Amino acid sequence: MSFQSEILPRWELCLYLFLSFGSHFYSFYEVFQASQGKSQDPVDFEWSFWMEWGKGYILWLLFGHLVVSLCKPWFLMVYGIAACWFLLGSKGLTMIFLHVSISYLVAQLKNPVLTWLTSLLLLSTLHLPAVEEMKRGWYASENEYYLLVFTLIVRCLYYTSFSLEYCWDRTTEMTQHSFLWMLSYTFYYPVFHNGPVITFDEFYAQMSKQQSCNWKSSLSIFIWGAIRILIWWWLAELMIHFMYMHAIYSSISHLEAVTYWALGGLALAQVLFFYVKYLVLFGVPALLVHMDGLQPPDLPRCVSTMYSFTGMWSYFVCSCRFSSYSQECFISSTLSITLSSRWHQAFPPFVYDW
């Protein structure tokens, strides 16, 4: 049976908008009231972590990438390797090279399942206590260690994407300078530490046809993009200054003391802060990717406008490229969800709780 959607009357749309915005603002007001007398919420580790690194070195290194972005991808690869060495040191760079090289060697067998299992194994090594202690000993602070952990986790998605494309490829096109392309892809600096994720087939196709940029149009794109990112950053800072959402949520006594409206506002504020946070964290590298003449992935969609999350896992499942047979779909879903679960578990436990 097919259903035809009809446009709602204007008065009904206005009523729904009023109820939606009214409930949003009133619940936020309740959270604001519960947060009176408190300073900035410091509990969100990820936001504080990336803001500290961004103000320190990463923004300057991203600016350096922008300066050399007119060059060929091999030079961008050299810049990415140099930036990695500057921030993570020779031992951190060697660890990333080791993961990338292992994935590349396994890809020579042209077996996608082995590639998936290798990525799972490399992720699992991040949980080994001896490996954790060894990597901690390389750095003077926990933030430096966690930067290496973040980078290794995100690089796993990239070398997995390259290795799967290598396994699926039946031509000689990728075998020519294939390891150089892998390094160029995995050390592409705008998305090096935190994403967003660009699949290798998209990266290869766009880099191969990269056109010279028009500096006049690129400058306007950069200015407007920077203004949007500053607005998102300002909104995120406002949220953690006036709504003590993460700290209240982490305290049972505070949760028991607030109203039901405040509880709903806390949940909504956390979800929306997560959205705005990634508009900033993904918006900066996406802007630089766009300046390089590439098409960056779409930025996150506002969760308040979503009515279904069924499309989320389809992106993971489709990446396996199995056929539509039920058994193979089950295998692809299992591999995708397993990798995604292990990938999130590799993060520090106070960043993601799986």
Protein backbone atom coordinates (compact mmCIF):
# COMPACT_ATOMS: atom_id res chain seq x y z
CA MET A 1 0.00 0.00 0.00
CA SER A 2 1.39 3.39 -1.00
CA PHE A 3 0.81 6.58 0.91
CA GLN A 4 0.87 10.08 -0.51
CA SER A 5 2.24 12.83 1.66
CA GLU A 6 0.31 16.07 1.78
CA ILE A 7 1.44 19.52 2.83
CA LEU A 8 0.07 20.47 6.23
CA PRO A 9 -2.01 23.63 6.58
CA ARG A 10 -0.02 26.73 7.42
CA TRP A 11 -1.72 27.16 10.80
CA GLU A 12 -0.82 23.59 11.78
CA LEU A 13 2.82 24.08 10.76
CA CYS A 14 2.97 27.29 12.79
CA LEU A 15 1.47 25.49 15.79
CA TYR A 16 4.06 22.71 15.63
CA LEU A 17 6.89 25.23 15.26
CA PHE A 18 5.61 27.17 18.26
CA LEU A 19 5.34 24.03 20.39
CA SER A 20 8.77 22.78 19.29
CA PHE A 21 10.64 26.03 19.84
CA GLY A 22 8.67 26.75 23.01
CA SER A 23 9.56 23.40 24.57
CA HIS A 24 13.20 23.81 23.49
CA PHE A 25 13.60 27.26 24.98
CA TYR A 26 11.69 26.53 28.18
CA SER A 27 13.68 23.36 28.89
CA PHE A 28 16.91 25.28 28.21
CA TYR A 29 15.71 27.99 30.59
CA GLU A 30 15.23 25.34 33.30
CA VAL A 31 18.79 24.10 32.71
CA PHE A 32 20.03 27.69 32.88
CA GLN A 33 18.22 28.17 36.20
CA ALA A 34 19.79 24.98 37.59
CA SER A 35 23.21 26.25 36.48
CA GLN A 36 23.03 29.61 38.25
CA GLY A 37 26.13 30.53 40.23
CA LYS A 38 28.44 28.21 38.33
CA SER A 39 31.23 29.08 35.91
CA GLN A 40 32.06 27.40 32.61
CA ASP A 41 31.30 23.67 32.43
CA PRO A 42 34.74 21.98 32.15
CA VAL A 43 33.53 18.36 32.01
CA ASP A 44 33.42 17.85 28.22
CA PHE A 45 36.92 16.46 27.71
CA GLU A 46 36.79 16.36 23.93
CA TRP A 47 35.92 20.04 23.51
CA SER A 48 38.56 21.17 26.03
CA PHE A 49 41.14 18.82 24.50
CA TRP A 50 40.75 20.05 20.92
CA MET A 51 40.43 23.70 21.92
CA GLU A 52 43.73 23.47 23.80
CA TRP A 53 45.52 21.79 20.90
CA GLY A 54 43.89 24.09 18.36
CA LYS A 55 45.05 27.23 20.14
CA GLY A 56 48.50 25.74 20.63
CA TYR A 57 49.75 24.17 17.41
CA ILE A 58 47.12 22.55 15.22
CA LEU A 59 45.56 25.75 13.83
CA TRP A 60 49.02 26.99 12.82
CA LEU A 61 49.82 23.67 11.16
CA LEU A 62 46.49 23.78 9.31
CA PHE A 63 47.36 27.28 8.14
CA GLY A 64 50.69 25.92 6.92
CA HIS A 65 48.83 23.28 4.93
CA LEU A 66 46.74 26.04 3.38
CA VAL A 67 49.91 27.80 2.25
CA VAL A 68 51.29 24.72 0.48
CA SER A 69 47.93 23.49 -0.85
CA LEU A 70 48.72 24.58 -4.42
CA CYS A 71 51.35 21.85 -4.65
CA LYS A 72 50.99 18.26 -5.78
CA PRO A 73 49.58 15.63 -3.37
CA TRP A 74 53.07 14.20 -2.81
CA PHE A 75 54.23 17.51 -1.33
CA LEU A 76 51.10 17.63 0.85
CA MET A 77 52.07 14.13 1.97
CA VAL A 78 55.53 15.36 2.98
CA TYR A 79 53.96 18.28 4.85
CA GLY A 80 51.56 15.93 6.67
CA ILE A 81 54.41 13.63 7.70
CA ALA A 82 56.45 16.62 8.92
CA ALA A 83 53.48 17.98 10.91
CA CYS A 84 52.91 14.53 12.43
CA TRP A 85 56.58 14.33 13.45
CA PHE A 86 56.43 17.85 14.94
CA LEU A 87 53.41 17.07 17.15
CA LEU A 88 53.82 13.35 17.90
CA GLY A 89 57.58 12.92 17.70
CA SER A 90 59.56 10.28 15.86
CA LYS A 91 58.14 7.42 17.96
CA GLY A 92 54.54 8.46 17.35
CA LEU A 93 55.26 8.84 13.63
CA THR A 94 56.87 5.38 13.58
CA MET A 95 53.81 3.87 15.28
CA ILE A 96 51.50 5.34 12.63
CA PHE A 97 53.83 4.15 9.85
CA LEU A 98 53.79 0.67 11.41
CA HIS A 99 49.97 0.48 11.40
CA VAL A 100 49.76 1.79 7.83
CA SER A 101 52.45 -0.61 6.58
CA ILE A 102 50.84 -3.66 8.19
CA SER A 103 47.48 -2.80 6.62
CA TYR A 104 49.14 -2.28 3.23
CA LEU A 105 50.98 -5.62 3.37
CA VAL A 106 47.78 -7.49 4.25
CA ALA A 107 45.97 -5.71 1.39
CA GLN A 108 48.41 -7.34 -1.06
CA LEU A 109 46.55 -10.61 -0.42
CA LYS A 110 43.43 -9.04 -2.01
CA ASN A 111 41.20 -10.42 0.74
CA PRO A 112 38.73 -7.87 2.21
CA VAL A 113 37.91 -10.06 5.23
CA LEU A 114 41.59 -10.21 6.21
CA THR A 115 41.76 -6.43 5.88
CA TRP A 116 38.82 -6.01 8.26
CA LEU A 117 40.32 -8.47 10.75
CA THR A 118 43.70 -6.72 10.57
CA SER A 119 42.08 -3.36 11.34
CA LEU A 120 40.25 -4.92 14.30
CA LEU A 121 43.51 -6.42 15.54
CA LEU A 122 45.39 -3.12 15.23
CA LEU A 123 42.61 -1.36 17.14
CA SER A 124 42.74 -4.02 19.83
CA THR A 125 46.44 -3.40 20.41
CA LEU A 126 45.54 0.07 21.71
CA HIS A 127 43.93 -1.65 24.73
CA LEU A 128 46.99 -3.68 25.69
CA PRO A 129 48.31 -2.34 29.04
CA ALA A 130 51.95 -2.82 28.03
CA VAL A 131 51.42 -0.87 24.80
CA GLU A 132 49.58 1.89 26.65
CA GLU A 133 52.36 2.25 29.21
CA MET A 134 55.01 2.28 26.48
CA LYS A 135 53.25 5.07 24.56
CA ARG A 136 52.65 7.08 27.73
CA GLY A 137 56.38 6.94 28.41
CA TRP A 138 57.06 8.71 25.10
CA TYR A 139 55.39 11.96 26.19
CA ALA A 140 55.61 14.42 29.03
CA SER A 141 51.83 14.95 29.36
CA GLU A 142 48.61 12.97 29.06
CA ASN A 143 47.33 15.34 26.36
CA GLU A 144 50.22 14.40 24.07
CA TYR A 145 49.54 10.72 24.64
CA TYR A 146 45.82 11.14 23.92
CA LEU A 147 46.61 13.06 20.74
CA LEU A 148 48.51 10.00 19.51
CA VAL A 149 45.58 7.75 20.51
CA PHE A 150 43.06 9.95 18.68
CA THR A 151 45.29 10.05 15.61
CA LEU A 152 45.83 6.27 15.52
CA ILE A 153 42.10 5.65 15.84
CA VAL A 154 41.16 8.02 13.03
CA ARG A 155 44.03 6.76 10.84
CA CYS A 156 42.56 3.26 11.21
CA LEU A 157 39.51 4.36 9.21
CA TYR A 158 41.76 5.74 6.49
CA TYR A 159 44.13 2.83 6.01
CA THR A 160 41.13 0.47 6.15
CA SER A 161 39.43 2.45 3.37
CA PHE A 162 42.57 2.36 1.21
CA SER A 163 43.18 -1.35 1.79
CA LEU A 164 39.59 -2.29 0.96
CA GLU A 165 39.74 -0.28 -2.27
CA TYR A 166 43.03 -2.01 -3.08
CA CYS A 167 41.42 -5.42 -2.51
CA TRP A 168 38.43 -4.60 -4.69
CA ASP A 169 40.45 -3.08 -7.52
CA ARG A 170 40.94 -5.40 -10.50
CA THR A 171 42.92 -3.00 -12.68
CA THR A 172 46.56 -1.97 -12.68
CA GLU A 173 45.69 1.68 -11.98
CA MET A 174 46.05 1.51 -8.20
CA THR A 175 49.12 -0.72 -8.21
CA GLN A 176 51.18 2.08 -9.75
CA HIS A 177 52.70 4.10 -6.87
CA SER A 178 50.04 2.53 -4.62
CA PHE A 179 52.01 2.90 -1.37
CA LEU A 180 52.71 6.55 -2.17
CA TRP A 181 48.98 7.08 -2.69
CA MET A 182 48.32 5.37 0.62
CA LEU A 183 50.75 7.69 2.40
CA SER A 184 49.34 10.72 0.59
CA TYR A 185 45.85 9.70 1.72
CA THR A 186 46.62 8.74 5.31
CA PHE A 187 48.86 11.79 5.93
CA TYR A 188 46.50 14.34 4.36
CA TYR A 189 46.75 16.82 7.21
CA PRO A 190 43.38 18.67 7.37
CA VAL A 191 41.65 15.42 8.39
CA PHE A 192 44.66 13.83 10.09
CA HIS A 193 43.81 14.04 13.80
CA ASN A 194 40.02 14.00 14.02
CA GLY A 195 38.31 13.76 10.63
CA PRO A 196 35.89 14.09 8.93
CA VAL A 197 36.34 10.87 6.99
CA ILE A 198 36.94 10.94 3.23
CA THR A 199 36.94 7.52 1.56
CA PHE A 200 39.95 6.69 -0.59
CA ASP A 201 38.00 6.35 -3.83
CA GLU A 202 36.68 9.91 -3.42
CA PHE A 203 40.12 11.23 -2.43
CA TYR A 204 41.87 9.51 -5.34
CA ALA A 205 39.32 10.62 -7.93
CA GLN A 206 39.36 14.25 -6.78
CA MET A 207 43.13 14.51 -6.26
CA SER A 208 43.77 13.04 -9.71
CA LYS A 209 41.59 15.74 -11.26
CA GLN A 210 42.55 18.55 -8.90
CA GLN A 211 42.18 21.91 -10.62
CA SER A 212 44.07 25.11 -9.93
CA CYS A 213 42.11 27.30 -7.57
CA ASN A 214 40.74 30.74 -8.28
CA TRP A 215 42.13 32.77 -5.40
CA LYS A 216 39.44 35.44 -5.70
CA SER A 217 36.56 32.98 -5.29
CA SER A 218 38.55 30.86 -2.81
CA LEU A 219 39.16 33.89 -0.60
CA SER A 220 35.44 34.64 -0.38
CA ILE A 221 34.72 30.97 0.40
CA PHE A 222 37.37 31.03 3.12
CA ILE A 223 36.07 34.25 4.70
CA TRP A 224 32.43 33.12 4.79
CA GLY A 225 33.43 29.66 6.01
CA ALA A 226 35.58 31.14 8.78
CA ILE A 227 32.71 33.41 9.87
CA ARG A 228 30.34 30.44 10.09
CA ILE A 229 32.85 28.45 12.15
CA LEU A 230 33.36 31.39 14.52
CA ILE A 231 29.58 31.63 15.01
CA TRP A 232 29.37 27.91 15.78
CA TRP A 233 32.33 28.18 18.18
CA TRP A 234 30.73 31.16 19.92
CA LEU A 235 27.44 29.24 20.27
CA ALA A 236 29.23 26.21 21.76
CA GLU A 237 31.06 28.44 24.24
CA LEU A 238 27.77 30.10 25.21
CA MET A 239 26.20 26.71 25.88
CA ILE A 240 28.94 25.54 28.25
CA HIS A 241 29.10 28.96 29.97
CA PHE A 242 25.36 29.28 30.70
CA MET A 243 24.23 25.63 30.89
CA TYR A 244 26.18 23.37 33.26
CA MET A 245 24.82 20.36 31.40
CA HIS A 246 27.72 17.88 31.51
CA ALA A 247 28.57 18.48 35.18
CA ILE A 248 24.92 18.20 36.29
CA TYR A 249 24.45 15.05 34.22
CA SER A 250 27.47 13.41 35.86
CA SER A 251 26.15 14.01 39.40
CA ILE A 252 23.24 11.87 40.65
CA SER A 253 22.46 14.28 43.50
CA HIS A 254 22.14 17.18 41.07
CA LEU A 255 19.96 15.14 38.71
CA GLU A 256 17.59 14.27 41.56
CA ALA A 257 17.29 17.94 42.51
CA VAL A 258 16.28 19.38 39.12
CA THR A 259 12.80 19.47 37.57
CA TYR A 260 11.54 17.16 34.83
CA TRP A 261 11.73 20.03 32.37
CA ALA A 262 15.37 20.52 33.31
CA LEU A 263 16.05 16.80 32.81
CA GLY A 264 14.61 17.00 29.32
CA GLY A 265 16.59 20.17 28.70
CA LEU A 266 19.81 18.49 29.87
CA ALA A 267 19.36 15.63 27.42
CA LEU A 268 18.47 17.98 24.58
CA ALA A 269 21.32 20.37 25.40
CA GLN A 270 23.87 17.55 25.44
CA VAL A 271 22.75 16.27 22.05
CA LEU A 272 22.70 19.75 20.51
CA PHE A 273 26.08 20.64 22.02
CA PHE A 274 27.51 17.47 20.49
CA TYR A 275 26.12 18.63 17.13
CA VAL A 276 27.50 22.18 17.42
CA LYS A 277 30.83 20.86 18.70
CA TYR A 278 31.31 18.78 15.57
CA LEU A 279 30.25 21.64 13.34
CA VAL A 280 33.40 23.32 14.67
CA LEU A 281 35.69 20.27 14.86
CA PHE A 282 34.70 19.06 11.37
CA GLY A 283 34.01 22.51 9.94
CA VAL A 284 37.63 23.71 10.16
CA PRO A 285 39.16 20.75 8.25
CA ALA A 286 36.22 20.67 5.83
CA LEU A 287 36.91 24.30 4.95
CA LEU A 288 40.56 23.52 4.21
CA VAL A 289 39.56 20.47 2.16
CA HIS A 290 37.29 22.74 0.14
CA MET A 291 40.14 25.22 -0.32
CA ASP A 292 42.24 22.36 -1.73
CA GLY A 293 39.70 21.96 -4.53
CA LEU A 294 38.17 18.80 -3.04
CA GLN A 295 34.60 18.11 -1.98
CA PRO A 296 34.46 17.58 1.80
CA PRO A 297 31.84 15.32 3.39
CA ASP A 298 28.62 16.96 4.48
CA LEU A 299 28.70 18.42 7.97
CA PRO A 300 26.50 16.81 10.65
CA ARG A 301 22.77 17.40 10.41
CA CYS A 302 20.94 19.05 13.29
CA VAL A 303 19.42 16.33 15.44
CA SER A 304 16.34 18.45 16.18
CA THR A 305 15.34 18.12 12.51
CA MET A 306 15.80 14.33 12.39
CA TYR A 307 12.92 11.95 12.93
CA SER A 308 14.75 8.68 12.14
CA PHE A 309 18.25 7.31 12.74
CA THR A 310 17.81 4.32 10.40
CA GLY A 311 20.09 5.84 7.77
CA MET A 312 23.06 6.07 10.14
CA TRP A 313 24.21 2.44 10.00
CA SER A 314 23.60 2.16 6.25
CA TYR A 315 26.76 4.19 5.64
CA PHE A 316 28.82 1.66 7.62
CA VAL A 317 27.13 -1.35 6.03
CA CYS A 318 27.41 -0.09 2.45
CA SER A 319 31.14 0.41 2.84
CA CYS A 320 31.62 -3.37 2.80
CA ARG A 321 30.34 -3.59 -0.79
CA PHE A 322 28.83 -7.02 -0.49
CA SER A 323 25.89 -8.07 -2.66
CA SER A 324 22.27 -8.03 -1.60
CA TYR A 325 22.10 -11.69 -0.56
CA SER A 326 20.93 -12.02 3.02
CA GLN A 327 23.93 -14.05 4.24
CA GLU A 328 26.46 -11.65 2.77
CA CYS A 329 24.49 -8.66 4.07
CA PHE A 330 24.59 -10.22 7.51
CA ILE A 331 28.38 -10.64 7.25
CA SER A 332 28.84 -7.07 6.04
CA SER A 333 26.65 -5.72 8.85
CA THR A 334 28.52 -7.78 11.44
CA LEU A 335 31.94 -6.62 10.24
CA SER A 336 30.85 -2.98 10.05
CA ILE A 337 29.22 -2.86 13.47
CA THR A 338 32.10 -4.79 15.07
CA LEU A 339 34.67 -2.38 13.68
CA SER A 340 32.57 0.62 14.68
CA SER A 341 32.18 -0.73 18.21
CA ARG A 342 35.88 -1.47 18.62
CA TRP A 343 36.71 1.89 17.06
CA HIS A 344 34.67 3.76 19.67
CA GLN A 345 36.00 1.59 22.49
CA ALA A 346 39.53 2.63 21.54
CA PHE A 347 38.80 6.19 22.66
CA PRO A 348 39.53 7.21 26.26
CA PRO A 349 36.69 5.88 28.48
CA PHE A 350 35.65 9.36 29.58
CA VAL A 351 35.12 10.47 25.96
CA TYR A 352 32.79 7.68 24.78
CA ASP A 353 31.05 5.20 27.03
CA TRP A 354 30.39 1.98 25.14
